[in-house]
């Protein structure tokens, strides 16, 4: 027998003492660590993957497994994880995996157009009627347009005539007429 066939036969014989569900735990653990490397997040996949790896190792020894088999499986798993890391890091650098839908969202408002602050200076010295009770903030109507206003001197009842005495940005100050 040549050396490669002998090595394959020995590996199959050594792996024979592994229970199928322990091997499954190892494989799922390695896959979850790979998922964690490719997805940004809290780390749940990585924590569960490493936990499965550790639990499978402990169960292997509890069920009477050989240490050399564990070393071989550990080395193979480590090589797989490093290979996944290298492949994923290259994909991210080339931009094939790094584009997440989180970062590709566009603003709902066009970025080149701004509405700015509405200019209420045209209301200065205008007479209107309160449409709500002003305590001291409420609403008043001026020529059919309802505007949020602030009473300068306390409360003003509903349906009372008011005059705009000051405009400070969007703050419209009124007094009872």
N, C-alpha and C. Protein backbone atom coordinates (compact mmCIF):
# COMPACT_ATOMS: atom_id res chain seq x y z
N UNK A 1 0.84 -1.19 0.00
CA UNK A 1 0.00 0.00 0.00
C UNK A 1 0.88 1.24 0.00
N UNK A 2 0.43 2.23 -0.74
CA UNK A 2 1.21 3.46 -0.72
C UNK A 2 0.85 4.29 0.52
N UNK A 3 1.60 5.32 0.76
CA UNK A 3 1.47 6.12 1.98
C UNK A 3 0.12 6.84 2.04
N UNK A 4 -0.33 7.38 0.91
CA UNK A 4 -1.60 8.13 0.89
C UNK A 4 -2.77 7.21 1.22
N UNK A 5 -2.79 6.03 0.69
CA UNK A 5 -3.87 5.08 0.98
C UNK A 5 -3.82 4.67 2.44
N UNK A 6 -2.64 4.46 2.98
CA UNK A 6 -2.49 4.09 4.38
C UNK A 6 -2.98 5.21 5.29
N UNK A 7 -2.64 6.47 4.93
CA UNK A 7 -3.08 7.61 5.73
C UNK A 7 -4.60 7.75 5.70
N UNK A 8 -5.21 7.56 4.54
CA UNK A 8 -6.66 7.63 4.43
C UNK A 8 -7.32 6.52 5.23
N UNK A 9 -6.76 5.31 5.18
CA UNK A 9 -7.31 4.19 5.93
C UNK A 9 -7.21 4.44 7.44
N UNK A 10 -6.06 4.94 7.89
CA UNK A 10 -5.87 5.24 9.32
C UNK A 10 -6.83 6.33 9.78
N UNK A 11 -7.02 7.36 8.96
CA UNK A 11 -7.93 8.45 9.32
C UNK A 11 -9.35 7.94 9.42
N UNK A 12 -9.75 7.07 8.50
CA UNK A 12 -11.11 6.52 8.55
C UNK A 12 -11.28 5.64 9.78
N UNK A 13 -10.25 4.91 10.13
CA UNK A 13 -10.31 4.06 11.31
C UNK A 13 -10.39 4.91 12.58
N UNK A 14 -9.59 5.97 12.64
CA UNK A 14 -9.61 6.85 13.81
C UNK A 14 -10.93 7.60 13.92
N UNK A 15 -11.50 7.99 12.79
CA UNK A 15 -12.76 8.71 12.82
C UNK A 15 -13.92 7.79 13.14
N UNK A 16 -13.70 6.50 13.08
CA UNK A 16 -14.77 5.54 13.35
C UNK A 16 -15.28 5.59 14.77
N UNK A 17 -14.46 6.08 15.72
CA UNK A 17 -14.92 6.13 17.11
C UNK A 17 -15.74 7.38 17.41
N UNK A 18 -15.95 8.21 16.42
CA UNK A 18 -16.79 9.40 16.59
C UNK A 18 -18.24 9.03 16.37
N UNK A 19 -19.11 9.47 17.26
CA UNK A 19 -20.53 9.26 17.06
C UNK A 19 -21.05 10.26 16.03
N UNK A 20 -22.03 9.87 15.23
CA UNK A 20 -22.52 10.77 14.16
C UNK A 20 -23.02 12.11 14.67
N UNK A 21 -23.67 12.14 15.81
CA UNK A 21 -24.20 13.41 16.29
C UNK A 21 -23.09 14.32 16.82
N UNK A 22 -21.97 13.76 17.27
CA UNK A 22 -20.84 14.58 17.68
C UNK A 22 -20.17 15.18 16.45
N UNK A 23 -20.04 14.39 15.39
CA UNK A 23 -19.49 14.92 14.14
C UNK A 23 -20.39 16.03 13.60
N UNK A 24 -21.70 15.83 13.70
CA UNK A 24 -22.66 16.85 13.26
C UNK A 24 -22.48 18.14 14.06
N UNK A 25 -22.26 18.01 15.36
CA UNK A 25 -22.04 19.20 16.19
C UNK A 25 -20.78 19.94 15.74
N UNK A 26 -19.72 19.21 15.44
CA UNK A 26 -18.49 19.84 14.95
C UNK A 26 -18.75 20.59 13.65
N UNK A 27 -19.42 19.93 12.71
CA UNK A 27 -19.66 20.54 11.40
C UNK A 27 -20.55 21.77 11.53
N UNK A 28 -21.62 21.66 12.31
CA UNK A 28 -22.52 22.81 12.52
C UNK A 28 -21.76 23.95 13.21
N UNK A 29 -20.89 23.61 14.16
CA UNK A 29 -20.10 24.64 14.83
C UNK A 29 -19.21 25.40 13.86
N UNK A 30 -18.53 24.67 12.98
CA UNK A 30 -17.65 25.31 11.99
C UNK A 30 -18.47 26.18 11.03
N UNK A 31 -19.63 25.68 10.61
CA UNK A 31 -20.49 26.45 9.70
C UNK A 31 -20.97 27.73 10.38
N UNK A 32 -21.36 27.63 11.66
CA UNK A 32 -21.84 28.82 12.37
C UNK A 32 -20.74 29.86 12.56
N UNK A 33 -19.52 29.40 12.80
CA UNK A 33 -18.41 30.35 12.90
C UNK A 33 -18.21 31.04 11.55
N UNK A 34 -18.34 30.30 10.46
CA UNK A 34 -18.25 30.89 9.11
C UNK A 34 -19.35 31.90 8.86
N UNK A 35 -20.56 31.59 9.31
CA UNK A 35 -21.67 32.55 9.16
C UNK A 35 -21.38 33.81 9.96
N UNK A 36 -20.85 33.65 11.16
CA UNK A 36 -20.53 34.82 11.99
C UNK A 36 -19.49 35.71 11.32
N UNK A 37 -18.54 35.11 10.64
CA UNK A 37 -17.52 35.91 9.97
C UNK A 37 -18.10 36.68 8.80
N UNK A 38 -19.14 36.16 8.16
CA UNK A 38 -19.68 36.82 6.98
C UNK A 38 -20.80 37.80 7.28
N UNK A 39 -21.39 37.72 8.47
CA UNK A 39 -22.52 38.59 8.81
C UNK A 39 -22.16 39.47 10.00
N UNK A 40 -22.31 40.78 9.85
CA UNK A 40 -22.10 41.63 11.02
C UNK A 40 -23.26 41.45 11.98
N UNK A 41 -22.99 41.53 13.25
CA UNK A 41 -24.08 41.37 14.19
C UNK A 41 -23.58 41.23 15.60
N UNK A 42 -24.43 40.66 16.42
CA UNK A 42 -24.19 40.57 17.85
C UNK A 42 -23.18 39.49 18.20
N UNK A 43 -23.03 38.47 17.39
CA UNK A 43 -22.09 37.41 17.68
C UNK A 43 -22.74 36.11 18.08
N UNK A 44 -24.06 35.99 17.90
CA UNK A 44 -24.78 34.80 18.33
C UNK A 44 -24.27 33.57 17.58
N UNK A 45 -24.11 33.68 16.26
CA UNK A 45 -23.64 32.54 15.49
C UNK A 45 -22.24 32.12 15.93
N UNK A 46 -21.36 33.07 16.19
CA UNK A 46 -20.01 32.74 16.63
C UNK A 46 -20.00 32.09 17.99
N UNK A 47 -20.78 32.62 18.91
CA UNK A 47 -20.84 32.05 20.27
C UNK A 47 -21.40 30.64 20.23
N UNK A 48 -22.49 30.45 19.47
CA UNK A 48 -23.10 29.12 19.38
C UNK A 48 -22.15 28.16 18.66
N UNK A 49 -21.48 28.63 17.61
CA UNK A 49 -20.55 27.77 16.87
C UNK A 49 -19.39 27.30 17.71
N UNK A 50 -18.77 28.22 18.44
CA UNK A 50 -17.65 27.84 19.31
C UNK A 50 -18.15 26.94 20.44
N UNK A 51 -19.34 27.24 20.96
CA UNK A 51 -19.90 26.40 22.03
C UNK A 51 -20.14 24.98 21.54
N UNK A 52 -20.68 24.85 20.33
CA UNK A 52 -20.89 23.50 19.77
C UNK A 52 -19.56 22.78 19.59
N UNK A 53 -18.56 23.50 19.14
CA UNK A 53 -17.23 22.93 18.95
C UNK A 53 -16.68 22.40 20.28
N UNK A 54 -16.79 23.20 21.34
CA UNK A 54 -16.28 22.81 22.66
C UNK A 54 -17.09 21.64 23.23
N UNK A 55 -18.42 21.70 23.12
CA UNK A 55 -19.27 20.63 23.64
C UNK A 55 -18.99 19.32 22.90
N UNK A 56 -18.83 19.41 21.57
CA UNK A 56 -18.53 18.20 20.80
C UNK A 56 -17.19 17.61 21.23
N UNK A 57 -16.21 18.47 21.51
CA UNK A 57 -14.91 17.97 21.98
C UNK A 57 -15.04 17.25 23.31
N UNK A 58 -15.76 17.85 24.24
CA UNK A 58 -15.95 17.24 25.56
C UNK A 58 -16.70 15.92 25.43
N UNK A 59 -17.75 15.91 24.62
CA UNK A 59 -18.52 14.67 24.44
C UNK A 59 -17.68 13.58 23.78
N UNK A 60 -16.79 13.98 22.90
CA UNK A 60 -15.90 13.01 22.26
C UNK A 60 -15.05 12.30 23.31
N UNK A 61 -14.50 13.05 24.24
CA UNK A 61 -13.67 12.45 25.28
C UNK A 61 -14.50 11.66 26.28
N UNK A 62 -15.72 12.13 26.59
CA UNK A 62 -16.58 11.44 27.55
C UNK A 62 -17.01 10.08 27.00
N UNK A 63 -17.23 10.02 25.68
CA UNK A 63 -17.66 8.75 25.07
C UNK A 63 -16.49 7.84 24.76
N UNK A 64 -15.29 8.18 25.21
CA UNK A 64 -14.13 7.30 25.04
C UNK A 64 -13.36 7.53 23.76
N UNK A 65 -13.41 8.72 23.22
CA UNK A 65 -12.70 9.02 21.98
C UNK A 65 -11.21 9.16 22.19
N UNK A 66 -10.46 9.00 21.13
CA UNK A 66 -9.01 9.10 21.20
C UNK A 66 -8.57 10.56 21.05
N UNK A 67 -7.52 10.90 21.77
CA UNK A 67 -7.00 12.27 21.74
C UNK A 67 -6.44 12.63 20.37
N UNK A 68 -5.79 11.70 19.71
CA UNK A 68 -5.19 11.97 18.40
C UNK A 68 -6.27 12.31 17.37
N UNK A 69 -7.41 11.67 17.48
CA UNK A 69 -8.52 11.97 16.57
C UNK A 69 -8.99 13.39 16.80
N UNK A 70 -9.09 13.77 18.05
CA UNK A 70 -9.53 15.13 18.37
C UNK A 70 -8.55 16.15 17.82
N UNK A 71 -7.26 15.88 17.94
CA UNK A 71 -6.24 16.79 17.42
C UNK A 71 -6.38 16.94 15.91
N UNK A 72 -6.58 15.82 15.21
CA UNK A 72 -6.73 15.87 13.76
C UNK A 72 -7.97 16.67 13.37
N UNK A 73 -9.08 16.41 14.02
CA UNK A 73 -10.33 17.14 13.73
C UNK A 73 -10.16 18.61 14.07
N UNK A 74 -9.49 18.90 15.17
CA UNK A 74 -9.27 20.29 15.57
C UNK A 74 -8.44 21.02 14.52
N UNK A 75 -7.38 20.39 14.05
CA UNK A 75 -6.52 21.02 13.04
C UNK A 75 -7.29 21.23 11.73
N UNK A 76 -8.05 20.23 11.32
CA UNK A 76 -8.85 20.36 10.09
C UNK A 76 -9.87 21.49 10.24
N UNK A 77 -10.54 21.57 11.38
CA UNK A 77 -11.52 22.63 11.62
C UNK A 77 -10.86 24.00 11.63
N UNK A 78 -9.70 24.10 12.28
CA UNK A 78 -8.98 25.38 12.32
C UNK A 78 -8.57 25.81 10.93
N UNK A 79 -8.10 24.86 10.12
CA UNK A 79 -7.71 25.19 8.74
C UNK A 79 -8.94 25.65 7.95
N UNK A 80 -10.06 24.98 8.13
CA UNK A 80 -11.30 25.39 7.45
C UNK A 80 -11.72 26.81 7.86
N UNK A 81 -11.65 27.10 9.14
CA UNK A 81 -12.05 28.42 9.62
C UNK A 81 -11.11 29.49 9.07
N UNK A 82 -9.83 29.24 9.08
CA UNK A 82 -8.86 30.20 8.53
C UNK A 82 -9.09 30.39 7.03
N UNK A 83 -9.36 29.30 6.32
CA UNK A 83 -9.63 29.40 4.88
C UNK A 83 -10.90 30.21 4.62
N UNK A 84 -11.95 29.98 5.42
CA UNK A 84 -13.18 30.77 5.27
C UNK A 84 -12.89 32.24 5.53
N UNK A 85 -12.10 32.51 6.56
CA UNK A 85 -11.77 33.90 6.88
C UNK A 85 -11.04 34.58 5.73
N UNK A 86 -10.08 33.88 5.15
CA UNK A 86 -9.31 34.45 4.03
C UNK A 86 -10.21 34.70 2.83
N UNK A 87 -11.04 33.74 2.50
CA UNK A 87 -11.95 33.90 1.35
C UNK A 87 -12.94 35.04 1.60
N UNK A 88 -13.53 35.08 2.78
CA UNK A 88 -14.51 36.13 3.08
C UNK A 88 -13.86 37.50 3.11
N UNK A 89 -12.64 37.61 3.65
CA UNK A 89 -11.99 38.92 3.69
C UNK A 89 -11.66 39.40 2.29
N UNK A 90 -11.30 38.50 1.39
CA UNK A 90 -11.04 38.90 0.00
C UNK A 90 -12.33 39.32 -0.70
N UNK A 91 -13.42 38.62 -0.43
CA UNK A 91 -14.70 39.00 -1.03
C UNK A 91 -15.15 40.37 -0.54
N UNK A 92 -14.92 40.64 0.74
CA UNK A 92 -15.30 41.94 1.29
C UNK A 92 -14.45 43.05 0.67
N UNK A 93 -13.14 42.81 0.55
CA UNK A 93 -12.26 43.83 -0.04
C UNK A 93 -12.62 44.13 -1.48
N UNK A 94 -13.05 43.13 -2.23
CA UNK A 94 -13.41 43.34 -3.62
C UNK A 94 -14.82 43.91 -3.78
N UNK A 95 -15.55 44.02 -2.67
CA UNK A 95 -16.86 44.64 -2.70
C UNK A 95 -17.99 43.68 -3.04
N UNK A 96 -17.71 42.41 -3.17
CA UNK A 96 -18.75 41.46 -3.53
C UNK A 96 -19.62 41.08 -2.35
N UNK A 97 -19.08 41.14 -1.16
CA UNK A 97 -19.83 40.74 0.03
C UNK A 97 -20.05 41.91 0.97
N UNK A 98 -19.30 42.98 0.80
CA UNK A 98 -19.35 44.09 1.74
C UNK A 98 -20.55 45.00 1.58
N UNK A 99 -21.31 44.85 0.51
CA UNK A 99 -22.44 45.73 0.29
C UNK A 99 -23.67 45.17 0.98
N UNK A 100 -24.02 45.77 2.10
CA UNK A 100 -25.18 45.36 2.85
C UNK A 100 -26.34 46.29 2.53
N UNK A 101 -27.55 45.77 2.57
CA UNK A 101 -28.71 46.59 2.26
C UNK A 101 -28.90 47.71 3.29
N UNK A 102 -28.31 47.55 4.45
CA UNK A 102 -28.42 48.58 5.48
C UNK A 102 -27.76 49.87 5.00
N UNK A 103 -26.64 49.74 4.31
CA UNK A 103 -25.87 50.90 3.91
C UNK A 103 -26.26 51.44 2.54
N UNK A 104 -27.14 50.76 1.82
CA UNK A 104 -27.53 51.20 0.49
C UNK A 104 -28.86 51.92 0.47
N UNK A 105 -29.44 52.18 1.63
CA UNK A 105 -30.72 52.88 1.67
C UNK A 105 -30.53 54.33 1.27
N UNK A 106 -31.48 54.83 0.50
CA UNK A 106 -31.44 56.23 0.10
C UNK A 106 -32.39 57.02 0.97
N UNK A 107 -32.13 58.30 1.08
CA UNK A 107 -32.97 59.17 1.89
C UNK A 107 -34.33 59.32 1.22
N UNK A 108 -35.38 59.44 2.03
CA UNK A 108 -36.71 59.60 1.47
C UNK A 108 -36.92 61.01 0.94
N UNK A 109 -36.12 61.96 1.40
CA UNK A 109 -36.20 63.33 0.93
C UNK A 109 -35.03 63.57 -0.02
N UNK A 110 -35.26 64.17 -1.17
CA UNK A 110 -34.15 64.44 -2.08
C UNK A 110 -33.07 65.26 -1.39
N UNK A 111 -31.81 64.89 -1.57
CA UNK A 111 -30.72 65.57 -0.87
C UNK A 111 -30.36 66.90 -1.51
N UNK A 112 -30.73 67.12 -2.77
CA UNK A 112 -30.36 68.37 -3.43
C UNK A 112 -31.43 69.45 -3.27
N UNK A 113 -32.56 69.13 -2.68
CA UNK A 113 -33.64 70.10 -2.51
C UNK A 113 -33.92 70.24 -1.02
N UNK A 114 -33.94 71.47 -0.52
CA UNK A 114 -34.29 71.69 0.87
C UNK A 114 -35.49 72.63 0.94
N UNK A 115 -36.37 72.35 1.86
CA UNK A 115 -37.56 73.17 2.02
C UNK A 115 -37.26 74.40 2.89
N UNK A 116 -36.36 74.23 3.85
CA UNK A 116 -36.02 75.34 4.73
C UNK A 116 -37.15 75.64 5.70
N UNK A 117 -36.99 76.72 6.43
CA UNK A 117 -37.98 77.14 7.39
C UNK A 117 -38.95 78.09 6.71
N UNK A 118 -40.23 77.84 6.93
CA UNK A 118 -41.25 78.69 6.31
C UNK A 118 -41.17 80.09 6.91
N UNK A 119 -41.29 81.06 6.07
CA UNK A 119 -41.20 82.47 6.49
C UNK A 119 -42.59 82.97 6.83
N UNK A 120 -42.81 83.31 8.11
CA UNK A 120 -44.10 83.82 8.55
C UNK A 120 -44.09 85.34 8.74
N UNK A 121 -43.07 86.01 8.23
CA UNK A 121 -42.97 87.45 8.44
C UNK A 121 -44.13 88.21 7.79
N UNK A 122 -44.78 87.64 6.79
CA UNK A 122 -45.91 88.29 6.14
C UNK A 122 -47.12 88.41 7.08
N UNK A 123 -47.11 87.66 8.18
CA UNK A 123 -48.22 87.71 9.14
C UNK A 123 -48.09 88.85 10.14
N UNK A 124 -46.96 89.53 10.17
CA UNK A 124 -46.74 90.61 11.14
C UNK A 124 -47.82 91.67 10.98
N UNK A 125 -48.44 92.06 12.09
CA UNK A 125 -49.53 93.05 12.18
C UNK A 125 -50.84 92.57 11.55
N UNK A 126 -50.93 91.29 11.20
CA UNK A 126 -52.18 90.74 10.65
C UNK A 126 -53.14 90.43 11.80
N UNK A 127 -54.43 90.53 11.50
CA UNK A 127 -55.47 90.21 12.47
C UNK A 127 -56.08 88.88 12.08
N UNK A 128 -56.25 88.02 13.08
CA UNK A 128 -56.85 86.71 12.83
C UNK A 128 -57.72 86.30 14.01
N UNK A 129 -58.19 85.05 13.97
CA UNK A 129 -59.07 84.53 15.01
C UNK A 129 -58.49 83.22 15.53
N UNK A 130 -58.52 83.07 16.85
CA UNK A 130 -58.01 81.82 17.43
C UNK A 130 -58.97 80.69 17.09
N UNK A 131 -58.42 79.56 16.69
CA UNK A 131 -59.26 78.39 16.39
C UNK A 131 -59.21 77.38 17.53
N UNK A 132 -58.27 77.56 18.45
CA UNK A 132 -58.20 76.74 19.67
C UNK A 132 -57.92 77.67 20.84
N UNK A 133 -58.06 77.13 22.03
CA UNK A 133 -57.69 77.87 23.23
C UNK A 133 -56.18 77.98 23.26
N UNK A 134 -55.63 79.19 23.50
CA UNK A 134 -54.18 79.38 23.57
C UNK A 134 -53.78 79.30 25.05
N UNK A 135 -52.93 78.30 25.39
CA UNK A 135 -52.52 78.12 26.79
C UNK A 135 -51.02 78.04 26.94
N UNK A 136 -50.21 78.80 26.62
CA UNK A 136 -50.27 79.94 25.70
C UNK A 136 -50.09 79.53 24.24
N UNK A 137 -49.90 78.22 23.98
CA UNK A 137 -49.71 77.78 22.60
C UNK A 137 -51.03 77.24 22.07
N UNK A 138 -51.29 77.53 20.81
CA UNK A 138 -52.51 77.04 20.17
C UNK A 138 -52.46 77.36 18.68
N UNK A 139 -53.65 77.47 18.08
CA UNK A 139 -53.72 77.75 16.64
C UNK A 139 -54.64 78.93 16.40
N UNK A 140 -54.29 79.66 15.33
CA UNK A 140 -55.12 80.80 14.92
C UNK A 140 -55.19 80.80 13.41
N UNK A 141 -56.28 81.42 12.89
CA UNK A 141 -56.49 81.46 11.45
C UNK A 141 -56.31 82.90 10.97
N UNK A 142 -55.48 83.04 9.91
CA UNK A 142 -55.23 84.34 9.30
C UNK A 142 -55.53 84.23 7.81
N UNK A 143 -56.58 84.90 7.34
CA UNK A 143 -56.98 84.87 5.94
C UNK A 143 -57.15 83.44 5.43
N UNK A 144 -57.76 82.56 6.21
CA UNK A 144 -58.02 81.18 5.81
C UNK A 144 -56.87 80.21 6.05
N UNK A 145 -55.72 80.72 6.51
CA UNK A 145 -54.57 79.86 6.79
C UNK A 145 -54.44 79.66 8.29
N UNK A 146 -54.42 78.40 8.73
CA UNK A 146 -54.28 78.09 10.15
C UNK A 146 -52.81 77.94 10.48
N UNK A 147 -52.39 78.64 11.55
CA UNK A 147 -50.98 78.70 11.93
C UNK A 147 -50.86 78.41 13.43
N UNK A 148 -49.76 77.73 13.82
CA UNK A 148 -49.46 77.56 15.24
C UNK A 148 -48.96 78.89 15.78
N UNK A 149 -49.54 79.33 16.93
CA UNK A 149 -49.17 80.63 17.50
C UNK A 149 -48.91 80.48 18.99
N UNK A 150 -48.28 81.54 19.54
CA UNK A 150 -47.99 81.61 20.97
C UNK A 150 -48.56 82.92 21.49
N UNK A 151 -49.34 82.83 22.58
CA UNK A 151 -49.89 84.04 23.19
C UNK A 151 -48.81 84.67 24.07
N UNK A 152 -48.56 85.97 23.85
CA UNK A 152 -47.52 86.65 24.61
C UNK A 152 -47.94 86.89 26.06
N UNK A 153 -49.22 87.14 26.29
CA UNK A 153 -49.68 87.53 27.62
C UNK A 153 -50.58 86.49 28.26
N UNK A 154 -50.20 85.25 28.30
CA UNK A 154 -50.98 84.22 28.99
C UNK A 154 -51.97 83.51 28.08
N UNK A 155 -53.16 83.22 28.64
CA UNK A 155 -54.16 82.45 27.92
C UNK A 155 -55.09 83.36 27.12
N UNK A 156 -55.53 82.82 25.96
CA UNK A 156 -56.52 83.51 25.13
C UNK A 156 -57.57 82.47 24.76
N UNK A 157 -58.84 82.82 24.90
CA UNK A 157 -59.93 81.90 24.61
C UNK A 157 -60.05 81.62 23.12
N UNK A 158 -60.85 80.60 22.77
CA UNK A 158 -61.12 80.25 21.39
C UNK A 158 -62.07 81.28 20.77
N UNK A 159 -61.94 81.50 19.46
CA UNK A 159 -62.77 82.43 18.68
C UNK A 159 -62.62 83.88 19.13
N UNK A 160 -61.39 84.27 19.46
CA UNK A 160 -61.09 85.65 19.87
C UNK A 160 -60.17 86.25 18.81
N UNK A 161 -60.38 87.54 18.51
CA UNK A 161 -59.53 88.22 17.54
C UNK A 161 -58.15 88.46 18.15
N UNK A 162 -57.08 88.18 17.37
CA UNK A 162 -55.71 88.36 17.82
C UNK A 162 -54.92 89.08 16.74
N UNK A 163 -53.81 89.72 17.17
CA UNK A 163 -52.93 90.43 16.26
C UNK A 163 -51.53 89.85 16.42
N UNK A 164 -50.85 89.65 15.30
CA UNK A 164 -49.47 89.15 15.33
C UNK A 164 -48.56 90.32 15.67
N UNK A 165 -47.80 90.19 16.78
CA UNK A 165 -46.91 91.27 17.22
C UNK A 165 -45.44 90.95 16.97
N UNK A 166 -45.12 89.67 16.77
CA UNK A 166 -43.73 89.30 16.52
C UNK A 166 -43.69 87.98 15.77
N UNK A 167 -42.66 87.86 14.92
CA UNK A 167 -42.40 86.60 14.22
C UNK A 167 -40.92 86.29 14.41
N UNK A 168 -40.62 85.16 15.05
CA UNK A 168 -39.24 84.74 15.32
C UNK A 168 -39.04 83.36 14.72
N UNK A 169 -38.61 83.32 13.46
CA UNK A 169 -38.48 82.05 12.75
C UNK A 169 -39.85 81.49 12.47
N UNK A 170 -40.18 80.34 13.09
CA UNK A 170 -41.51 79.77 12.93
C UNK A 170 -42.40 80.09 14.13
N UNK A 171 -41.92 80.84 15.05
CA UNK A 171 -42.71 81.22 16.23
C UNK A 171 -43.46 82.49 15.95
N UNK A 172 -44.78 82.38 15.96
CA UNK A 172 -45.66 83.53 15.69
C UNK A 172 -46.28 83.94 17.02
N UNK A 173 -45.98 85.15 17.47
CA UNK A 173 -46.45 85.65 18.78
C UNK A 173 -47.65 86.56 18.54
N UNK A 174 -48.73 86.31 19.31
CA UNK A 174 -49.97 87.08 19.15
C UNK A 174 -50.40 87.67 20.49
N UNK A 175 -51.21 88.72 20.40
CA UNK A 175 -51.86 89.32 21.56
C UNK A 175 -53.33 89.49 21.22
N UNK A 176 -54.15 89.54 22.27
CA UNK A 176 -55.59 89.74 22.06
C UNK A 176 -55.83 91.15 21.55
N UNK A 177 -56.73 91.30 20.57
CA UNK A 177 -57.00 92.61 19.97
C UNK A 177 -58.02 93.34 20.79
